[in-house]
Amino acid sequence: GDVENTLNNDTTKNTSLQDAFSKFRQRKIKELQLQKASRKGNAERTQEFKDNLRLKFVEQLKKYIGVPYAERYKAPEDPVAPLYLDCCALVRKAVQDLQDDFGFVIGKWNQAYQLDTCPIEVPFDQLKPGDLIFYIGTYTSKRSKKQKHDCTHVEVFLGGETGEATIGSRYFRGKVGIFPSYKFVSTSWSCDKVYFRSLDTWLSGECRSHCSEHPWIVPDYTLSKKSIFDADDDDISAGGEEEDEENEEDNECDENNNSRNDDDDNINNEEEENKIIKNKKKLFNKLKKNKDYKMNELASNNAKQSSTKSNTSLSEKRKSANITPYTYYVSKANGWKLVKNALDKHNWQQLPFEYKFSSRFGLKWVERRSDIDYRSHIPGQLVCHIPNN
């Protein structure tokens, strides 16, 4: 399985959507900067640094003791946990937490990827706390997907009093915990072999595939200056810009982007067009007053602090990106008709379903993260990712 930190994980009852997205944006910017730096190679590290990082890695893993394996295996009477970690996700999460120290952004693949990026084999009697143990096995169920290298499980060696202790997320209906021995019998797969791999490769700041069969290539993202994940664009508020009804430049931009040349706009006369624009402005002003749209209020404060620069640049960005604030895209899932009906009543224009990768929307409501290109966001756009669980 793949457990990721998403915007939903950042949002709590006491955190606004704007604050959560701001944290998400800063984390993504940091990851992209770290990826760029890691491609240039990390400076040689002292043994003392690597030993301390090894200890920090082990302690970070222990912080997740008690976290359940996966939501789909929880008992009906159990509440939904804020976090779930399977075997590879536990390792990944600890590395992500310490990525500034490790000097790289670990890929989001499973234990087979982690095996390919830790090439140094060590005998059991030379294992150190923090080294990884990979289990090669055969699934007992024919419905289970075959893993690369037949790698079915991973745990982290601790040693402990038994000399064989590990920490890991071992059982479907279990939780992250410390086990007295790495040896165990699984009910879902039979163990054919165990690999003992040193953590030293990661401790040296290197995380790349050493397998000729599986390159595990991490995409090299080149960000557009229009992207809100462009680190040089911090003067523009992420996640939305509060529009001023008296701002003639923004109003003109909205009208241009809803011109008759757009495929989404079927307005046939100027009088009807002006009426719809007026209704849209009233709706938008109403939304600004709603406490659930505090993200717009925060964006407005940021805009006021740099009004001369941000107002001009935002207008230019909207024009160049051809954003239509009152155009929406909704995917056919998770109560989409409710969203459609609500927006249609206020004369919002719907993009065709096949336009899911279009960046011209003002609001996008989808169920799958794969339908969202976070790197192409422009200030003023709103995305609602509603997981179906």
Foldseek 3Di string as FASTA:
>chain_A
DFWDDDLVLQDDPPDASQRSVVVVLVLLLVQLVLAVVCVVPDDFDDPVLLVVVLVQLLVLLVVFFPAAADPVQEDPVDDDDSGHHAFFRSSLVSCSVVVVSLSHRADRDGPVLVPQQQPAFDDLVPDAFNWKKWFAWAFPDPPDDQDVSSTDGMWTAHLPPLHAKTWGNPDNGGGTDIDSHPDDQDPGIGTDDMTTTGPVSSSRNTGFGPDPVDRPDDDNDDFDPQFSSPPVPVLQRPDAEQDDPPPVLVLVLLDVLQDPVDPQHPDDDDVVVVVLSVLVVVVSVVVPPDPSVCSNVVSHVSCVVVVVPHVVVLSVSCNVLSANQLEEEEEPDDPRVVVVVVSVVSVRTYDDNVCLVRQRYQEYEYADPVSDDNSNDGHRHHYHHHHDD
